Amino acid sequence: DLPDGLQDRLAEREGRLGYINGFLAVGLHH
């Protein structure tokens, strides 16, 4: 349900790091 701009940024981070940091994961509720 995330906006495209945010989905793209998360996909870039996941591609670069292989994970999403916990702060962002929890923050995705906002």
mmCIF file of all heavy atoms, coordinates in Angstrom:
data_MODEL
# 
_entry.id   MODEL 
# 
loop_
_atom_site.group_PDB 
_atom_site.id 
_atom_site.type_symbol 
_atom_site.label_atom_id 
_atom_site.label_alt_id 
_atom_site.label_comp_id 
_atom_site.label_asym_id 
_atom_site.label_entity_id 
_atom_site.label_seq_id 
_atom_site.pdbx_PDB_ins_code 
_atom_site.Cartn_x 
_atom_site.Cartn_y 
_atom_site.Cartn_z 
_atom_site.occupancy 
_atom_site.B_iso_or_equiv 
_atom_site.pdbx_formal_charge 
_atom_site.auth_seq_id 
_atom_site.auth_comp_id 
_atom_site.auth_asym_id 
_atom_site.auth_atom_id 
_atom_site.pdbx_PDB_model_num 
ATOM 1   N N   . ASP A 1 1  ? 0.794  -1.223 0.000  1.00 0.00 ? 1  ASP A N   1 
ATOM 2   C CA  . ASP A 1 1  ? 0.000  0.000  0.000  1.00 0.00 ? 1  ASP A CA  1 
ATOM 3   C C   . ASP A 1 1  ? 0.831  1.280  0.000  1.00 0.00 ? 1  ASP A C   1 
ATOM 4   O O   . ASP A 1 1  ? 0.277  2.359  0.177  1.00 0.00 ? 1  ASP A O   1 
ATOM 5   C CB  . ASP A 1 1  ? -0.929 0.009  1.222  1.00 0.00 ? 1  ASP A CB  1 
ATOM 6   C CG  . ASP A 1 1  ? -1.948 -1.118 1.170  1.00 0.00 ? 1  ASP A CG  1 
ATOM 7   O OD1 . ASP A 1 1  ? -2.379 -1.478 0.062  1.00 0.00 ? 1  ASP A OD1 1 
ATOM 8   O OD2 . ASP A 1 1  ? -2.298 -1.632 2.243  1.00 0.00 ? 1  ASP A OD2 1 
ATOM 9   N N   . LEU A 1 2  ? 2.125  1.180  -0.187 1.00 0.00 ? 2  LEU A N   1 
ATOM 10  C CA  . LEU A 1 2  ? 2.968  2.376  -0.145 1.00 0.00 ? 2  LEU A CA  1 
ATOM 11  C C   . LEU A 1 2  ? 2.912  3.144  -1.453 1.00 0.00 ? 2  LEU A C   1 
ATOM 12  O O   . LEU A 1 2  ? 2.729  2.559  -2.521 1.00 0.00 ? 2  LEU A O   1 
ATOM 13  C CB  . LEU A 1 2  ? 4.424  1.984  0.147  1.00 0.00 ? 2  LEU A CB  1 
ATOM 14  C CG  . LEU A 1 2  ? 4.694  1.356  1.500  1.00 0.00 ? 2  LEU A CG  1 
ATOM 15  C CD1 . LEU A 1 2  ? 6.165  0.975  1.614  1.00 0.00 ? 2  LEU A CD1 1 
ATOM 16  C CD2 . LEU A 1 2  ? 4.305  2.297  2.630  1.00 0.00 ? 2  LEU A CD2 1 
ATOM 17  N N   . PRO A 1 3  ? 3.122  4.461  -1.382 1.00 0.00 ? 3  PRO A N   1 
ATOM 18  C CA  . PRO A 1 3  ? 3.208  5.236  -2.618 1.00 0.00 ? 3  PRO A CA  1 
ATOM 19  C C   . PRO A 1 3  ? 4.400  4.778  -3.457 1.00 0.00 ? 3  PRO A C   1 
ATOM 20  O O   . PRO A 1 3  ? 5.410  4.307  -2.915 1.00 0.00 ? 3  PRO A O   1 
ATOM 21  C CB  . PRO A 1 3  ? 3.418  6.674  -2.136 1.00 0.00 ? 3  PRO A CB  1 
ATOM 22  C CG  . PRO A 1 3  ? 3.315  6.664  -0.658 1.00 0.00 ? 3  PRO A CG  1 
ATOM 23  C CD  . PRO A 1 3  ? 3.288  5.251  -0.186 1.00 0.00 ? 3  PRO A CD  1 
ATOM 24  N N   . ASP A 1 4  ? 4.284  4.914  -4.786 1.00 0.00 ? 4  ASP A N   1 
ATOM 25  C CA  . ASP A 1 4  ? 5.338  4.438  -5.685 1.00 0.00 ? 4  ASP A CA  1 
ATOM 26  C C   . ASP A 1 4  ? 6.717  4.992  -5.348 1.00 0.00 ? 4  ASP A C   1 
ATOM 27  O O   . ASP A 1 4  ? 7.701  4.271  -5.359 1.00 0.00 ? 4  ASP A O   1 
ATOM 28  C CB  . ASP A 1 4  ? 5.008  4.785  -7.138 1.00 0.00 ? 4  ASP A CB  1 
ATOM 29  C CG  . ASP A 1 4  ? 3.931  3.878  -7.696 1.00 0.00 ? 4  ASP A CG  1 
ATOM 30  O OD1 . ASP A 1 4  ? 3.659  2.833  -7.082 1.00 0.00 ? 4  ASP A OD1 1 
ATOM 31  O OD2 . ASP A 1 4  ? 3.362  4.229  -8.741 1.00 0.00 ? 4  ASP A OD2 1 
ATOM 32  N N   . GLY A 1 5  ? 6.821  6.277  -5.042 1.00 0.00 ? 5  GLY A N   1 
ATOM 33  C CA  . GLY A 1 5  ? 8.124  6.863  -4.739 1.00 0.00 ? 5  GLY A CA  1 
ATOM 34  C C   . GLY A 1 5  ? 8.806  6.183  -3.570 1.00 0.00 ? 5  GLY A C   1 
ATOM 35  O O   . GLY A 1 5  ? 10.012 5.961  -3.575 1.00 0.00 ? 5  GLY A O   1 
ATOM 36  N N   . LEU A 1 6  ? 8.028  5.825  -2.572 1.00 0.00 ? 6  LEU A N   1 
ATOM 37  C CA  . LEU A 1 6  ? 8.591  5.160  -1.404 1.00 0.00 ? 6  LEU A CA  1 
ATOM 38  C C   . LEU A 1 6  ? 8.918  3.707  -1.713 1.00 0.00 ? 6  LEU A C   1 
ATOM 39  O O   . LEU A 1 6  ? 9.959  3.194  -1.294 1.00 0.00 ? 6  LEU A O   1 
ATOM 40  C CB  . LEU A 1 6  ? 7.626  5.265  -0.219 1.00 0.00 ? 6  LEU A CB  1 
ATOM 41  C CG  . LEU A 1 6  ? 8.117  4.715  1.114  1.00 0.00 ? 6  LEU A CG  1 
ATOM 42  C CD1 . LEU A 1 6  ? 9.492  5.253  1.482  1.00 0.00 ? 6  LEU A CD1 1 
ATOM 43  C CD2 . LEU A 1 6  ? 7.114  5.028  2.209  1.00 0.00 ? 6  LEU A CD2 1 
ATOM 44  N N   . GLN A 1 7  ? 8.066  3.031  -2.466 1.00 0.00 ? 7  GLN A N   1 
ATOM 45  C CA  . GLN A 1 7  ? 8.353  1.649  -2.861 1.00 0.00 ? 7  GLN A CA  1 
ATOM 46  C C   . GLN A 1 7  ? 9.668  1.587  -3.637 1.00 0.00 ? 7  GLN A C   1 
ATOM 47  O O   . GLN A 1 7  ? 10.490 0.702  -3.410 1.00 0.00 ? 7  GLN A O   1 
ATOM 48  C CB  . GLN A 1 7  ? 7.216  1.084  -3.694 1.00 0.00 ? 7  GLN A CB  1 
ATOM 49  C CG  . GLN A 1 7  ? 5.974  0.765  -2.895 1.00 0.00 ? 7  GLN A CG  1 
ATOM 50  C CD  . GLN A 1 7  ? 4.908  0.087  -3.731 1.00 0.00 ? 7  GLN A CD  1 
ATOM 51  O OE1 . GLN A 1 7  ? 5.127  -0.284 -4.869 1.00 0.00 ? 7  GLN A OE1 1 
ATOM 52  N NE2 . GLN A 1 7  ? 3.725  -0.069 -3.160 1.00 0.00 ? 7  GLN A NE2 1 
ATOM 53  N N   . ASP A 1 8  ? 9.871  2.531  -4.535 1.00 0.00 ? 8  ASP A N   1 
ATOM 54  C CA  . ASP A 1 8  ? 11.098 2.554  -5.335 1.00 0.00 ? 8  ASP A CA  1 
ATOM 55  C C   . ASP A 1 8  ? 12.322 2.771  -4.455 1.00 0.00 ? 8  ASP A C   1 
ATOM 56  O O   . ASP A 1 8  ? 13.351 2.111  -4.635 1.00 0.00 ? 8  ASP A O   1 
ATOM 57  C CB  . ASP A 1 8  ? 11.036 3.637  -6.406 1.00 0.00 ? 8  ASP A CB  1 
ATOM 58  C CG  . ASP A 1 8  ? 9.989  3.343  -7.459 1.00 0.00 ? 8  ASP A CG  1 
ATOM 59  O OD1 . ASP A 1 8  ? 9.567  2.170  -7.585 1.00 0.00 ? 8  ASP A OD1 1 
ATOM 60  O OD2 . ASP A 1 8  ? 9.583  4.291  -8.159 1.00 0.00 ? 8  ASP A OD2 1 
ATOM 61  N N   . ARG A 1 9  ? 12.216 3.681  -3.501 1.00 0.00 ? 9  ARG A N   1 
ATOM 62  C CA  . ARG A 1 9  ? 13.359 3.942  -2.609 1.00 0.00 ? 9  ARG A CA  1 
ATOM 63  C C   . ARG A 1 9  ? 13.671 2.726  -1.743 1.00 0.00 ? 9  ARG A C   1 
ATOM 64  O O   . ARG A 1 9  ? 14.828 2.407  -1.497 1.00 0.00 ? 9  ARG A O   1 
ATOM 65  C CB  . ARG A 1 9  ? 13.085 5.169  -1.755 1.00 0.00 ? 9  ARG A CB  1 
ATOM 66  C CG  . ARG A 1 9  ? 13.227 6.445  -2.560 1.00 0.00 ? 9  ARG A CG  1 
ATOM 67  C CD  . ARG A 1 9  ? 13.319 7.624  -1.642 1.00 0.00 ? 9  ARG A CD  1 
ATOM 68  N NE  . ARG A 1 9  ? 13.819 8.760  -2.384 1.00 0.00 ? 9  ARG A NE  1 
ATOM 69  C CZ  . ARG A 1 9  ? 13.106 9.842  -2.620 1.00 0.00 ? 9  ARG A CZ  1 
ATOM 70  N NH1 . ARG A 1 9  ? 11.875 9.935  -2.176 1.00 0.00 ? 9  ARG A NH1 1 
ATOM 71  N NH2 . ARG A 1 9  ? 13.634 10.844 -3.286 1.00 0.00 ? 9  ARG A NH2 1 
ATOM 72  N N   . LEU A 1 10 ? 12.633 2.059  -1.260 1.00 0.00 ? 10 LEU A N   1 
ATOM 73  C CA  . LEU A 1 10 ? 12.862 0.851  -0.456 1.00 0.00 ? 10 LEU A CA  1 
ATOM 74  C C   . LEU A 1 10 ? 13.465 -0.265 -1.296 1.00 0.00 ? 10 LEU A C   1 
ATOM 75  O O   . LEU A 1 10 ? 14.337 -1.001 -0.840 1.00 0.00 ? 10 LEU A O   1 
ATOM 76  C CB  . LEU A 1 10 ? 11.561 0.381  0.182  1.00 0.00 ? 10 LEU A CB  1 
ATOM 77  C CG  . LEU A 1 10 ? 10.991 1.273  1.271  1.00 0.00 ? 10 LEU A CG  1 
ATOM 78  C CD1 . LEU A 1 10 ? 9.646  0.740  1.728  1.00 0.00 ? 10 LEU A CD1 1 
ATOM 79  C CD2 . LEU A 1 10 ? 11.949 1.403  2.437  1.00 0.00 ? 10 LEU A CD2 1 
ATOM 80  N N   . ALA A 1 11 ? 13.006 -0.397 -2.531 1.00 0.00 ? 11 ALA A N   1 
ATOM 81  C CA  . ALA A 1 11 ? 13.555 -1.415 -3.430 1.00 0.00 ? 11 ALA A CA  1 
ATOM 82  C C   . ALA A 1 11 ? 15.040 -1.145 -3.694 1.00 0.00 ? 11 ALA A C   1 
ATOM 83  O O   . ALA A 1 11 ? 15.854 -2.073 -3.717 1.00 0.00 ? 11 ALA A O   1 
ATOM 84  C CB  . ALA A 1 11 ? 12.781 -1.448 -4.741 1.00 0.00 ? 11 ALA A CB  1 
ATOM 85  N N   . GLU A 1 12 ? 15.400 0.120  -3.837 1.00 0.00 ? 12 GLU A N   1 
ATOM 86  C CA  . GLU A 1 12 ? 16.810 0.472  -4.054 1.00 0.00 ? 12 GLU A CA  1 
ATOM 87  C C   . GLU A 1 12 ? 17.641 0.089  -2.838 1.00 0.00 ? 12 GLU A C   1 
ATOM 88  O O   . GLU A 1 12 ? 18.706 -0.504 -2.964 1.00 0.00 ? 12 GLU A O   1 
ATOM 89  C CB  . GLU A 1 12 ? 16.933 1.978  -4.351 1.00 0.00 ? 12 GLU A CB  1 
ATOM 90  C CG  . GLU A 1 12 ? 18.343 2.432  -4.670 1.00 0.00 ? 12 GLU A CG  1 
ATOM 91  C CD  . GLU A 1 12 ? 19.185 2.711  -3.439 1.00 0.00 ? 12 GLU A CD  1 
ATOM 92  O OE1 . GLU A 1 12 ? 18.650 3.167  -2.415 1.00 0.00 ? 12 GLU A OE1 1 
ATOM 93  O OE2 . GLU A 1 12 ? 20.401 2.427  -3.491 1.00 0.00 ? 12 GLU A OE2 1 
ATOM 94  N N   . ARG A 1 13 ? 17.145 0.398  -1.651 1.00 0.00 ? 13 ARG A N   1 
ATOM 95  C CA  . ARG A 1 13 ? 17.870 0.054  -0.423 1.00 0.00 ? 13 ARG A CA  1 
ATOM 96  C C   . ARG A 1 13 ? 17.988 -1.460 -0.255 1.00 0.00 ? 13 ARG A C   1 
ATOM 97  O O   . ARG A 1 13 ? 19.038 -1.971 0.102  1.00 0.00 ? 13 ARG A O   1 
ATOM 98  C CB  . ARG A 1 13 ? 17.173 0.637  0.809  1.00 0.00 ? 13 ARG A CB  1 
ATOM 99  C CG  . ARG A 1 13 ? 17.435 2.086  0.993  1.00 0.00 ? 13 ARG A CG  1 
ATOM 100 C CD  . ARG A 1 13 ? 16.654 2.607  2.195  1.00 0.00 ? 13 ARG A CD  1 
ATOM 101 N NE  . ARG A 1 13 ? 17.023 3.975  2.420  1.00 0.00 ? 13 ARG A NE  1 
ATOM 102 C CZ  . ARG A 1 13 ? 17.821 4.378  3.408  1.00 0.00 ? 13 ARG A CZ  1 
ATOM 103 N NH1 . ARG A 1 13 ? 18.280 3.518  4.276  1.00 0.00 ? 13 ARG A NH1 1 
ATOM 104 N NH2 . ARG A 1 13 ? 18.128 5.644  3.531  1.00 0.00 ? 13 ARG A NH2 1 
ATOM 105 N N   . GLU A 1 14 ? 16.896 -2.151 -0.487 1.00 0.00 ? 14 GLU A N   1 
ATOM 106 C CA  . GLU A 1 14 ? 16.925 -3.611 -0.364 1.00 0.00 ? 14 GLU A CA  1 
ATOM 107 C C   . GLU A 1 14 ? 17.903 -4.194 -1.370 1.00 0.00 ? 14 GLU A C   1 
ATOM 108 O O   . GLU A 1 14 ? 18.657 -5.113 -1.051 1.00 0.00 ? 14 GLU A O   1 
ATOM 109 C CB  . GLU A 1 14 ? 15.512 -4.177 -0.572 1.00 0.00 ? 14 GLU A CB  1 
ATOM 110 C CG  . GLU A 1 14 ? 15.374 -5.628 -0.173 1.00 0.00 ? 14 GLU A CG  1 
ATOM 111 C CD  . GLU A 1 14 ? 15.910 -6.610 -1.193 1.00 0.00 ? 14 GLU A CD  1 
ATOM 112 O OE1 . GLU A 1 14 ? 15.928 -6.282 -2.396 1.00 0.00 ? 14 GLU A OE1 1 
ATOM 113 O OE2 . GLU A 1 14 ? 16.310 -7.713 -0.789 1.00 0.00 ? 14 GLU A OE2 1 
ATOM 114 N N   . GLY A 1 15 ? 17.933 -3.654 -2.582 1.00 0.00 ? 15 GLY A N   1 
ATOM 115 C CA  . GLY A 1 15 ? 18.867 -4.146 -3.585 1.00 0.00 ? 15 GLY A CA  1 
ATOM 116 C C   . GLY A 1 15 ? 20.315 -3.891 -3.214 1.00 0.00 ? 15 GLY A C   1 
ATOM 117 O O   . GLY A 1 15 ? 21.193 -4.711 -3.477 1.00 0.00 ? 15 GLY A O   1 
ATOM 118 N N   . ARG A 1 16 ? 20.572 -2.742 -2.586 1.00 0.00 ? 16 ARG A N   1 
ATOM 119 C CA  . ARG A 1 16 ? 21.939 -2.367 -2.211 1.00 0.00 ? 16 ARG A CA  1 
ATOM 120 C C   . ARG A 1 16 ? 22.388 -3.073 -0.935 1.00 0.00 ? 16 ARG A C   1 
ATOM 121 O O   . ARG A 1 16 ? 23.512 -3.567 -0.845 1.00 0.00 ? 16 ARG A O   1 
ATOM 122 C CB  . ARG A 1 16 ? 22.008 -0.852 -2.034 1.00 0.00 ? 16 ARG A CB  1 
ATOM 123 C CG  . ARG A 1 16 ? 23.370 -0.308 -1.703 1.00 0.00 ? 16 ARG A CG  1 
ATOM 124 C CD  . ARG A 1 16 ? 23.420 1.219  -1.815 1.00 0.00 ? 16 ARG A CD  1 
ATOM 125 N NE  . ARG A 1 16 ? 22.269 1.900  -1.268 1.00 0.00 ? 16 ARG A NE  1 
ATOM 126 C CZ  . ARG A 1 16 ? 22.144 2.309  0.003  1.00 0.00 ? 16 ARG A CZ  1 
ATOM 127 N NH1 . ARG A 1 16 ? 23.114 2.085  0.870  1.00 0.00 ? 16 ARG A NH1 1 
ATOM 128 N NH2 . ARG A 1 16 ? 21.048 2.936  0.403  1.00 0.00 ? 16 ARG A NH2 1 
ATOM 129 N N   . LEU A 1 17 ? 21.508 -3.152 0.064  1.00 0.00 ? 17 LEU A N   1 
ATOM 130 C CA  . LEU A 1 17 ? 21.886 -3.684 1.371  1.00 0.00 ? 17 LEU A CA  1 
ATOM 131 C C   . LEU A 1 17 ? 21.457 -5.126 1.605  1.00 0.00 ? 17 LEU A C   1 
ATOM 132 O O   . LEU A 1 17 ? 22.044 -5.823 2.408  1.00 0.00 ? 17 LEU A O   1 
ATOM 133 C CB  . LEU A 1 17 ? 21.282 -2.810 2.482  1.00 0.00 ? 17 LEU A CB  1 
ATOM 134 C CG  . LEU A 1 17 ? 21.664 -1.332 2.477  1.00 0.00 ? 17 LEU A CG  1 
ATOM 135 C CD1 . LEU A 1 17 ? 20.845 -0.584 3.518  1.00 0.00 ? 17 LEU A CD1 1 
ATOM 136 C CD2 . LEU A 1 17 ? 23.146 -1.163 2.712  1.00 0.00 ? 17 LEU A CD2 1 
ATOM 137 N N   . GLY A 1 18 ? 20.368 -5.543 0.946  1.00 0.00 ? 18 GLY A N   1 
ATOM 138 C CA  . GLY A 1 18 ? 19.826 -6.876 1.173  1.00 0.00 ? 18 GLY A CA  1 
ATOM 139 C C   . GLY A 1 18 ? 18.860 -6.940 2.338  1.00 0.00 ? 18 GLY A C   1 
ATOM 140 O O   . GLY A 1 18 ? 18.393 -8.004 2.714  1.00 0.00 ? 18 GLY A O   1 
ATOM 141 N N   . TYR A 1 19 ? 18.549 -5.784 2.942  1.00 0.00 ? 19 TYR A N   1 
ATOM 142 C CA  . TYR A 1 19 ? 17.612 -5.727 4.056  1.00 0.00 ? 19 TYR A CA  1 
ATOM 143 C C   . TYR A 1 19 ? 17.076 -4.305 4.175  1.00 0.00 ? 19 TYR A C   1 
ATOM 144 O O   . TYR A 1 19 ? 17.563 -3.382 3.539  1.00 0.00 ? 19 TYR A O   1 
ATOM 145 C CB  . TYR A 1 19 ? 18.264 -6.146 5.375  1.00 0.00 ? 19 TYR A CB  1 
ATOM 146 C CG  . TYR A 1 19 ? 19.361 -5.212 5.852  1.00 0.00 ? 19 TYR A CG  1 
ATOM 147 C CD1 . TYR A 1 19 ? 19.070 -4.152 6.708  1.00 0.00 ? 19 TYR A CD1 1 
ATOM 148 C CD2 . TYR A 1 19 ? 20.671 -5.385 5.446  1.00 0.00 ? 19 TYR A CD2 1 
ATOM 149 C CE1 . TYR A 1 19 ? 20.061 -3.292 7.130  1.00 0.00 ? 19 TYR A CE1 1 
ATOM 150 C CE2 . TYR A 1 19 ? 21.671 -4.536 5.867  1.00 0.00 ? 19 TYR A CE2 1 
ATOM 151 C CZ  . TYR A 1 19 ? 21.366 -3.486 6.710  1.00 0.00 ? 19 TYR A CZ  1 
ATOM 152 O OH  . TYR A 1 19 ? 22.349 -2.633 7.129  1.00 0.00 ? 19 TYR A OH  1 
ATOM 153 N N   . ILE A 1 20 ? 16.071 -4.135 5.001  1.00 0.00 ? 20 ILE A N   1 
ATOM 154 C CA  . ILE A 1 20 ? 15.543 -2.826 5.366  1.00 0.00 ? 20 ILE A CA  1 
ATOM 155 C C   . ILE A 1 20 ? 15.843 -2.653 6.850  1.00 0.00 ? 20 ILE A C   1 
ATOM 156 O O   . ILE A 1 20 ? 15.594 -3.562 7.639  1.00 0.00 ? 20 ILE A O   1 
ATOM 157 C CB  . ILE A 1 20 ? 14.011 -2.763 5.144  1.00 0.00 ? 20 ILE A CB  1 
ATOM 158 C CG1 . ILE A 1 20 ? 13.663 -3.014 3.679  1.00 0.00 ? 20 ILE A CG1 1 
ATOM 159 C CG2 . ILE A 1 20 ? 13.438 -1.439 5.623  1.00 0.00 ? 20 ILE A CG2 1 
ATOM 160 C CD1 . ILE A 1 20 ? 14.172 -1.989 2.719  1.00 0.00 ? 20 ILE A CD1 1 
ATOM 161 N N   . ASN A 1 21 ? 16.374 -1.483 7.245  1.00 0.00 ? 21 ASN A N   1 
ATOM 162 C CA  . ASN A 1 21 ? 16.689 -1.351 8.668  1.00 0.00 ? 21 ASN A CA  1 
ATOM 163 C C   . ASN A 1 21 ? 15.418 -1.278 9.495  1.00 0.00 ? 21 ASN A C   1 
ATOM 164 O O   . ASN A 1 21 ? 14.347 -0.924 9.015  1.00 0.00 ? 21 ASN A O   1 
ATOM 165 C CB  . ASN A 1 21 ? 17.660 -0.199 8.947  1.00 0.00 ? 21 ASN A CB  1 
ATOM 166 C CG  . ASN A 1 21 ? 17.057 1.173  8.814  1.00 0.00 ? 21 ASN A CG  1 
ATOM 167 O OD1 . ASN A 1 21 ? 15.881 1.382  9.061  1.00 0.00 ? 21 ASN A OD1 1 
ATOM 168 N ND2 . ASN A 1 21 ? 17.874 2.136  8.430  1.00 0.00 ? 21 ASN A ND2 1 
ATOM 169 N N   . GLY A 1 22 ? 15.535 -1.679 10.744 1.00 0.00 ? 22 GLY A N   1 
ATOM 170 C CA  . GLY A 1 22 ? 14.380 -1.797 11.623 1.00 0.00 ? 22 GLY A CA  1 
ATOM 171 C C   . GLY A 1 22 ? 13.624 -0.498 11.809 1.00 0.00 ? 22 GLY A C   1 
ATOM 172 O O   . GLY A 1 22 ? 12.393 -0.481 11.879 1.00 0.00 ? 22 GLY A O   1 
ATOM 173 N N   . PHE A 1 23 ? 14.332 0.616  11.868 1.00 0.00 ? 23 PHE A N   1 
ATOM 174 C CA  . PHE A 1 23 ? 13.679 1.910  12.022 1.00 0.00 ? 23 PHE A CA  1 
ATOM 175 C C   . PHE A 1 23 ? 12.732 2.175  10.862 1.00 0.00 ? 23 PHE A C   1 
ATOM 176 O O   . PHE A 1 23 ? 11.585 2.571  11.059 1.00 0.00 ? 23 PHE A O   1 
ATOM 177 C CB  . PHE A 1 23 ? 14.735 3.012  12.116 1.00 0.00 ? 23 PHE A CB  1 
ATOM 178 C CG  . PHE A 1 23 ? 14.150 4.389  12.201 1.00 0.00 ? 23 PHE A CG  1 
ATOM 179 C CD1 . PHE A 1 23 ? 13.660 4.855  13.412 1.00 0.00 ? 23 PHE A CD1 1 
ATOM 180 C CD2 . PHE A 1 23 ? 14.086 5.197  11.090 1.00 0.00 ? 23 PHE A CD2 1 
ATOM 181 C CE1 . PHE A 1 23 ? 13.105 6.133  13.503 1.00 0.00 ? 23 PHE A CE1 1 
ATOM 182 C CE2 . PHE A 1 23 ? 13.538 6.464  11.165 1.00 0.00 ? 23 PHE A CE2 1 
ATOM 183 C CZ  . PHE A 1 23 ? 13.050 6.932  12.379 1.00 0.00 ? 23 PHE A CZ  1 
ATOM 184 N N   . LEU A 1 24 ? 13.201 1.945  9.645  1.00 0.00 ? 24 LEU A N   1 
ATOM 185 C CA  . LEU A 1 24 ? 12.336 2.146  8.476  1.00 0.00 ? 24 LEU A CA  1 
ATOM 186 C C   . LEU A 1 24 ? 11.200 1.135  8.444  1.00 0.00 ? 24 LEU A C   1 
ATOM 187 O O   . LEU A 1 24 ? 10.070 1.477  8.108  1.00 0.00 ? 24 LEU A O   1 
ATOM 188 C CB  . LEU A 1 24 ? 13.138 2.053  7.177  1.00 0.00 ? 24 LEU A CB  1 
ATOM 189 C CG  . LEU A 1 24 ? 14.088 3.202  6.884  1.00 0.00 ? 24 LEU A CG  1 
ATOM 190 C CD1 . LEU A 1 24 ? 14.792 2.969  5.554  1.00 0.00 ? 24 LEU A CD1 1 
ATOM 191 C CD2 . LEU A 1 24 ? 13.370 4.528  6.885  1.00 0.00 ? 24 LEU A CD2 1 
ATOM 192 N N   . ALA A 1 25 ? 11.494 -0.104 8.791  1.00 0.00 ? 25 ALA A N   1 
ATOM 193 C CA  . ALA A 1 25 ? 10.460 -1.141 8.751  1.00 0.00 ? 25 ALA A CA  1 
ATOM 194 C C   . ALA A 1 25 ? 9.296  -0.781 9.665  1.00 0.00 ? 25 ALA A C   1 
ATOM 195 O O   . ALA A 1 25 ? 8.135  -0.894 9.280  1.00 0.00 ? 25 ALA A O   1 
ATOM 196 C CB  . ALA A 1 25 ? 11.051 -2.499 9.139  1.00 0.00 ? 25 ALA A CB  1 
ATOM 197 N N   . VAL A 1 26 ? 9.602  -0.319 10.865 1.00 0.00 ? 26 VAL A N   1 
ATOM 198 C CA  . VAL A 1 26 ? 8.555  0.068  11.798 1.00 0.00 ? 26 VAL A CA  1 
ATOM 199 C C   . VAL A 1 26 ? 7.898  1.373  11.346 1.00 0.00 ? 26 VAL A C   1 
ATOM 200 O O   . VAL A 1 26 ? 6.684  1.532  11.404 1.00 0.00 ? 26 VAL A O   1 
ATOM 201 C CB  . VAL A 1 26 ? 9.119  0.196  13.234 1.00 0.00 ? 26 VAL A CB  1 
ATOM 202 C CG1 . VAL A 1 26 ? 8.081  0.773  14.178 1.00 0.00 ? 26 VAL A CG1 1 
ATOM 203 C CG2 . VAL A 1 26 ? 9.592  -1.164 13.725 1.00 0.00 ? 26 VAL A CG2 1 
ATOM 204 N N   . GLY A 1 27 ? 8.701  2.298  10.835 1.00 0.00 ? 27 GLY A N   1 
ATOM 205 C CA  . GLY A 1 27 ? 8.184  3.581  10.390 1.00 0.00 ? 27 GLY A CA  1 
ATOM 206 C C   . GLY A 1 27 ? 7.266  3.508  9.193  1.00 0.00 ? 27 GLY A C   1 
ATOM 207 O O   . GLY A 1 27 ? 6.516  4.457  8.916  1.00 0.00 ? 27 GLY A O   1 
ATOM 208 N N   . LEU A 1 28 ? 7.278  2.404  8.469  1.00 0.00 ? 28 LEU A N   1 
ATOM 209 C CA  . LEU A 1 28 ? 6.445  2.287  7.274  1.00 0.00 ? 28 LEU A CA  1 
ATOM 210 C C   . LEU A 1 28 ? 4.952  2.351  7.581  1.00 0.00 ? 28 LEU A C   1 
ATOM 211 O O   . LEU A 1 28 ? 4.140  2.521  6.672  1.00 0.00 ? 28 LEU A O   1 
ATOM 212 C CB  . LEU A 1 28 ? 6.775  1.005  6.513  1.00 0.00 ? 28 LEU A CB  1 
ATOM 213 C CG  . LEU A 1 28 ? 8.133  1.020  5.825  1.00 0.00 ? 28 LEU A CG  1 
ATOM 214 C CD1 . LEU A 1 28 ? 8.424  -0.333 5.200  1.00 0.00 ? 28 LEU A CD1 1 
ATOM 215 C CD2 . LEU A 1 28 ? 8.209  2.111  4.783  1.00 0.00 ? 28 LEU A CD2 1 
ATOM 216 N N   . HIS A 1 29 ? 4.612  2.262  8.855  1.00 0.00 ? 29 HIS A N   1 
ATOM 217 C CA  . HIS A 1 29 ? 3.205  2.466  9.224  1.00 0.00 ? 29 HIS A CA  1 
ATOM 218 C C   . HIS A 1 29 ? 2.796  3.921  9.000  1.00 0.00 ? 29 HIS A C   1 
ATOM 219 O O   . HIS A 1 29 ? 1.616  4.236  8.975  1.00 0.00 ? 29 HIS A O   1 
ATOM 220 C CB  . HIS A 1 29 ? 2.963  2.061  10.678 1.00 0.00 ? 29 HIS A CB  1 
ATOM 221 C CG  . HIS A 1 29 ? 3.096  0.593  10.907 1.00 0.00 ? 29 HIS A CG  1 
ATOM 222 N ND1 . HIS A 1 29 ? 2.162  -0.311 10.454 1.00 0.00 ? 29 HIS A ND1 1 
ATOM 223 C CD2 . HIS A 1 29 ? 4.067  -0.135 11.512 1.00 0.00 ? 29 HIS A CD2 1 
ATOM 224 C CE1 . HIS A 1 29 ? 2.539  -1.537 10.788 1.00 0.00 ? 29 HIS A CE1 1 
ATOM 225 N NE2 . HIS A 1 29 ? 3.685  -1.462 11.424 1.00 0.00 ? 29 HIS A NE2 1 
ATOM 226 N N   . HIS A 1 30 ? 3.802  4.798  8.841  1.00 0.00 ? 30 HIS A N   1 
ATOM 227 C CA  . HIS A 1 30 ? 3.579  6.223  8.561  1.00 0.00 ? 30 HIS A CA  1 
ATOM 228 C C   . HIS A 1 30 ? 4.408  6.585  7.327  1.00 0.00 ? 30 HIS A C   1 
ATOM 229 O O   . HIS A 1 30 ? 5.458  7.218  7.428  1.00 0.00 ? 30 HIS A O   1 
ATOM 230 C CB  . HIS A 1 30 ? 3.983  7.079  9.763  1.00 0.00 ? 30 HIS A CB  1 
ATOM 231 C CG  . HIS A 1 30 ? 3.221  6.724  10.989 1.00 0.00 ? 30 HIS A CG  1 
ATOM 232 N ND1 . HIS A 1 30 ? 1.916  7.125  11.192 1.00 0.00 ? 30 HIS A ND1 1 
ATOM 233 C CD2 . HIS A 1 30 ? 3.552  5.975  12.064 1.00 0.00 ? 30 HIS A CD2 1 
ATOM 234 C CE1 . HIS A 1 30 ? 1.487  6.646  12.338 1.00 0.00 ? 30 HIS A CE1 1 
ATOM 235 N NE2 . HIS A 1 30 ? 2.453  5.947  12.888 1.00 0.00 ? 30 HIS A NE2 1 
# 
